[in-house]
């Protein structure tokens, strides 16, 4: 069972990293299979959390940190939160507006083959592989 800590690594508590470190260690000792720490955004904090967590660390995607970089830091899972929904919703609103004004949707739509290729690239990467 994964555990989630919401310490506001973005500044909601006086010492958010120290509190997150305390909580991830406590969750691991209590039997959590992994810990999710949203809001952590810098290499040093992520490295400290990976070291203290004792179980796989899951972070929320933030622009500027690639999946390769996060993996190199020891992150085992990256969540997107509402990002994919908001991107899809933006595209749906834009497509509806384009249909309404007669211009039609963008010409460079992703193909079904491209979507399938994305899935094939990640075969073997499942939550159970954490």
C-alpha atoms as a PDB file:
ATOM      1  CA  UNK A   1       0.000   0.000   0.000  1.00  0.00           C
ATOM      2  CA  UNK A   2       1.479   3.377  -0.970  1.00  0.00           C
ATOM      3  CA  UNK A   3       1.416   6.325   1.421  1.00  0.00           C
ATOM      4  CA  UNK A   4       1.078  10.004   0.556  1.00  0.00           C
ATOM      5  CA  UNK A   5       2.523  12.898   2.478  1.00  0.00           C
ATOM      6  CA  UNK A   6       1.370  16.435   1.865  1.00  0.00           C
ATOM      7  CA  UNK A   7       3.906  18.600   3.658  1.00  0.00           C
ATOM      8  CA  UNK A   8       3.916  21.428   1.180  1.00  0.00           C
ATOM      9  CA  UNK A   9       7.481  21.032   0.012  1.00  0.00           C
ATOM     10  CA  UNK A  10       6.565  24.189  -1.861  1.00  0.00           C
ATOM     11  CA  UNK A  11       6.477  26.103   1.438  1.00  0.00           C
ATOM     12  CA  UNK A  12       3.206  25.368   3.291  1.00  0.00           C
ATOM     13  CA  UNK A  13       4.941  24.298   6.524  1.00  0.00           C
ATOM     14  CA  UNK A  14       7.878  25.986   8.291  1.00  0.00           C
ATOM     15  CA  UNK A  15      10.319  23.133   7.527  1.00  0.00           C
ATOM     16  CA  UNK A  16       8.589  21.185   4.746  1.00  0.00           C
ATOM     17  CA  UNK A  17      11.520  19.004   3.688  1.00  0.00           C
ATOM     18  CA  UNK A  18      12.356  17.971   7.243  1.00  0.00           C
ATOM     19  CA  UNK A  19       8.705  17.108   7.871  1.00  0.00           C
ATOM     20  CA  UNK A  20       8.479  15.171   4.598  1.00  0.00           C
ATOM     21  CA  UNK A  21      11.629  13.232   5.530  1.00  0.00           C
ATOM     22  CA  UNK A  22      10.163  12.399   8.940  1.00  0.00           C
ATOM     23  CA  UNK A  23       6.877  11.260   7.416  1.00  0.00           C
ATOM     24  CA  UNK A  24       8.300   9.118   4.608  1.00  0.00           C
ATOM     25  CA  UNK A  25      10.514   7.306   7.098  1.00  0.00           C
ATOM     26  CA  UNK A  26       7.540   6.757   9.435  1.00  0.00           C
ATOM     27  CA  UNK A  27       5.358   5.494   6.565  1.00  0.00           C
ATOM     28  CA  UNK A  28       8.073   3.059   5.455  1.00  0.00           C
ATOM     29  CA  UNK A  29       8.534   1.791   9.005  1.00  0.00           C
ATOM     30  CA  UNK A  30       4.750   1.351   9.281  1.00  0.00           C
ATOM     31  CA  UNK A  31       4.766  -0.925   6.224  1.00  0.00           C
ATOM     32  CA  UNK A  32       4.016   1.334   3.254  1.00  0.00           C
ATOM     33  CA  UNK A  33       5.129  -0.154  -0.078  1.00  0.00           C
ATOM     34  CA  UNK A  34       5.990   3.276  -1.464  1.00  0.00           C
ATOM     35  CA  UNK A  35       5.625   6.967  -0.664  1.00  0.00           C
ATOM     36  CA  UNK A  36       4.210   9.815  -2.739  1.00  0.00           C
ATOM     37  CA  UNK A  37       5.572  13.278  -2.030  1.00  0.00           C
ATOM     38  CA  UNK A  38       3.947  15.898  -4.268  1.00  0.00           C
ATOM     39  CA  UNK A  39       5.524  19.330  -4.418  1.00  0.00           C
ATOM     40  CA  UNK A  40       9.193  18.384  -4.239  1.00  0.00           C
ATOM     41  CA  UNK A  41      10.993  20.139  -7.089  1.00  0.00           C
ATOM     42  CA  UNK A  42      14.760  20.183  -6.628  1.00  0.00           C
ATOM     43  CA  UNK A  43      17.496  17.577  -6.960  1.00  0.00           C
ATOM     44  CA  UNK A  44      18.806  17.873  -3.401  1.00  0.00           C
ATOM     45  CA  UNK A  45      15.388  17.419  -1.793  1.00  0.00           C
ATOM     46  CA  UNK A  46      14.516  14.512  -4.071  1.00  0.00           C
ATOM     47  CA  UNK A  47      17.857  12.851  -3.316  1.00  0.00           C
ATOM     48  CA  UNK A  48      17.321  13.248   0.422  1.00  0.00           C
ATOM     49  CA  UNK A  49      13.830  11.757   0.172  1.00  0.00           C
ATOM     50  CA  UNK A  50      15.053   8.790  -1.885  1.00  0.00           C
ATOM     51  CA  UNK A  51      17.755   8.129   0.703  1.00  0.00           C
ATOM     52  CA  UNK A  52      15.415   8.317   3.716  1.00  0.00           C
ATOM     53  CA  UNK A  53      12.321   6.699   2.227  1.00  0.00           C
ATOM     54  CA  UNK A  54      13.562   3.074   2.356  1.00  0.00           C
ATOM     55  CA  UNK A  55      10.749   2.313  -0.129  1.00  0.00           C
ATOM     56  CA  UNK A  56      10.158   3.509  -3.722  1.00  0.00           C
ATOM     57  CA  UNK A  57       9.601   7.273  -4.021  1.00  0.00           C
ATOM     58  CA  UNK A  58       6.797   8.679  -6.187  1.00  0.00           C
ATOM     59  CA  UNK A  59       6.819  12.400  -7.061  1.00  0.00           C
ATOM     60  CA  UNK A  60       4.503  14.696  -8.976  1.00  0.00           C
ATOM     61  CA  UNK A  61       5.807  15.783 -12.383  1.00  0.00           C
ATOM     62  CA  UNK A  62       7.119  19.334 -12.533  1.00  0.00           C
ATOM     63  CA  UNK A  63       8.452  21.040 -15.662  1.00  0.00           C
ATOM     64  CA  UNK A  64      12.233  21.097 -15.807  1.00  0.00           C
ATOM     65  CA  UNK A  65      12.870  17.617 -14.406  1.00  0.00           C
ATOM     66  CA  UNK A  66      12.878  14.946 -17.112  1.00  0.00           C
ATOM     67  CA  UNK A  67      11.924  11.348 -16.423  1.00  0.00           C
ATOM     68  CA  UNK A  68      15.550  10.383 -17.066  1.00  0.00           C
ATOM     69  CA  UNK A  69      16.762  12.914 -14.485  1.00  0.00           C
ATOM     70  CA  UNK A  70      14.199  11.770 -11.915  1.00  0.00           C
ATOM     71  CA  UNK A  71      15.193   8.137 -12.500  1.00  0.00           C
ATOM     72  CA  UNK A  72      18.864   9.054 -12.046  1.00  0.00           C
ATOM     73  CA  UNK A  73      17.949  10.631  -8.704  1.00  0.00           C
ATOM     74  CA  UNK A  74      16.284   7.377  -7.631  1.00  0.00           C
ATOM     75  CA  UNK A  75      12.613   8.245  -8.176  1.00  0.00           C
ATOM     76  CA  UNK A  76      10.682   5.083  -9.035  1.00  0.00           C
ATOM     77  CA  UNK A  77       7.341   6.559 -10.110  1.00  0.00           C
ATOM     78  CA  UNK A  78       6.192   9.901 -11.487  1.00  0.00           C
ATOM     79  CA  UNK A  79       2.548  10.946 -11.269  1.00  0.00           C
ATOM     80  CA  UNK A  80       0.954  13.553 -13.481  1.00  0.00           C
ATOM     81  CA  UNK A  81      -1.937  14.481 -11.209  1.00  0.00           C
ATOM     82  CA  UNK A  82      -4.497  16.434 -13.211  1.00  0.00           C
ATOM     83  CA  UNK A  83      -1.995  17.430 -15.936  1.00  0.00           C
ATOM     84  CA  UNK A  84      -3.111  14.944 -18.596  1.00  0.00           C
ATOM     85  CA  UNK A  85      -6.776  15.709 -17.954  1.00  0.00           C
ATOM     86  CA  UNK A  86      -6.168  19.459 -18.230  1.00  0.00           C
ATOM     87  CA  UNK A  87      -4.147  19.052 -21.442  1.00  0.00           C
ATOM     88  CA  UNK A  88      -6.895  16.864 -22.934  1.00  0.00           C
ATOM     89  CA  UNK A  89      -9.598  19.278 -21.807  1.00  0.00           C
ATOM     90  CA  UNK A  90      -7.728  22.198 -23.382  1.00  0.00           C
ATOM     91  CA  UNK A  91      -7.471  20.258 -26.656  1.00  0.00           C
ATOM     92  CA  UNK A  92     -11.185  19.374 -26.531  1.00  0.00           C
ATOM     93  CA  UNK A  93     -12.178  23.009 -25.961  1.00  0.00           C
ATOM     94  CA  UNK A  94      -9.912  24.155 -28.804  1.00  0.00           C
ATOM     95  CA  UNK A  95     -11.301  21.472 -31.154  1.00  0.00           C
ATOM     96  CA  UNK A  96     -14.886  22.394 -30.285  1.00  0.00           C
ATOM     97  CA  UNK A  97     -14.137  26.067 -30.968  1.00  0.00           C
ATOM     98  CA  UNK A  98     -12.510  25.138 -34.303  1.00  0.00           C
ATOM     99  CA  UNK A  99     -15.561  23.095 -35.309  1.00  0.00           C
ATOM    100  CA  UNK A 100     -17.867  25.939 -34.257  1.00  0.00           C
ATOM    101  CA  UNK A 101     -16.008  28.522 -36.350  1.00  0.00           C
ATOM    102  CA  UNK A 102     -15.607  26.166 -39.324  1.00  0.00           C
ATOM    103  CA  UNK A 103     -11.818  26.001 -39.311  1.00  0.00           C
ATOM    104  CA  UNK A 104     -11.697  22.364 -38.173  1.00  0.00           C
ATOM    105  CA  UNK A 105      -9.230  20.628 -35.883  1.00  0.00           C
ATOM    106  CA  UNK A 106      -5.455  20.817 -36.221  1.00  0.00           C
ATOM    107  CA  UNK A 107      -3.931  18.900 -39.108  1.00  0.00           C
ATOM    108  CA  UNK A 108      -1.165  17.325 -37.016  1.00  0.00           C
ATOM    109  CA  UNK A 109      -3.321  15.037 -34.892  1.00  0.00           C
ATOM    110  CA  UNK A 110      -1.603  12.056 -33.287  1.00  0.00           C
ATOM    111  CA  UNK A 111      -2.262   8.799 -35.133  1.00  0.00           C
ATOM    112  CA  UNK A 112      -3.476   5.582 -33.561  1.00  0.00           C
ATOM    113  CA  UNK A 113      -0.170   3.971 -34.590  1.00  0.00           C
ATOM    114  CA  UNK A 114       1.769   6.628 -32.638  1.00  0.00           C
ATOM    115  CA  UNK A 115      -0.323   5.956 -29.534  1.00  0.00           C
ATOM    116  CA  UNK A 116       0.263   2.206 -29.864  1.00  0.00           C
ATOM    117  CA  UNK A 117       4.012   2.829 -30.207  1.00  0.00           C
ATOM    118  CA  UNK A 118       3.976   4.749 -26.911  1.00  0.00           C
ATOM    119  CA  UNK A 119       2.349   1.790 -25.188  1.00  0.00           C
ATOM    120  CA  UNK A 120       4.850  -0.662 -26.676  1.00  0.00           C
ATOM    121  CA  UNK A 121       7.752   1.479 -25.440  1.00  0.00           C
ATOM    122  CA  UNK A 122       6.606   1.083 -21.824  1.00  0.00           C
ATOM    123  CA  UNK A 123       5.784  -2.640 -21.817  1.00  0.00           C
ATOM    124  CA  UNK A 124       7.067  -4.145 -18.580  1.00  0.00           C
ATOM    125  CA  UNK A 125       6.778  -0.899 -16.639  1.00  0.00           C
ATOM    126  CA  UNK A 126       3.940  -1.484 -14.233  1.00  0.00           C
ATOM    127  CA  UNK A 127       3.174  -0.305 -10.736  1.00  0.00           C
ATOM    128  CA  UNK A 128       3.953  -3.828  -9.537  1.00  0.00           C
ATOM    129  CA  UNK A 129       7.483  -3.428 -10.945  1.00  0.00           C
ATOM    130  CA  UNK A 130       8.265  -0.683  -8.414  1.00  0.00           C
END
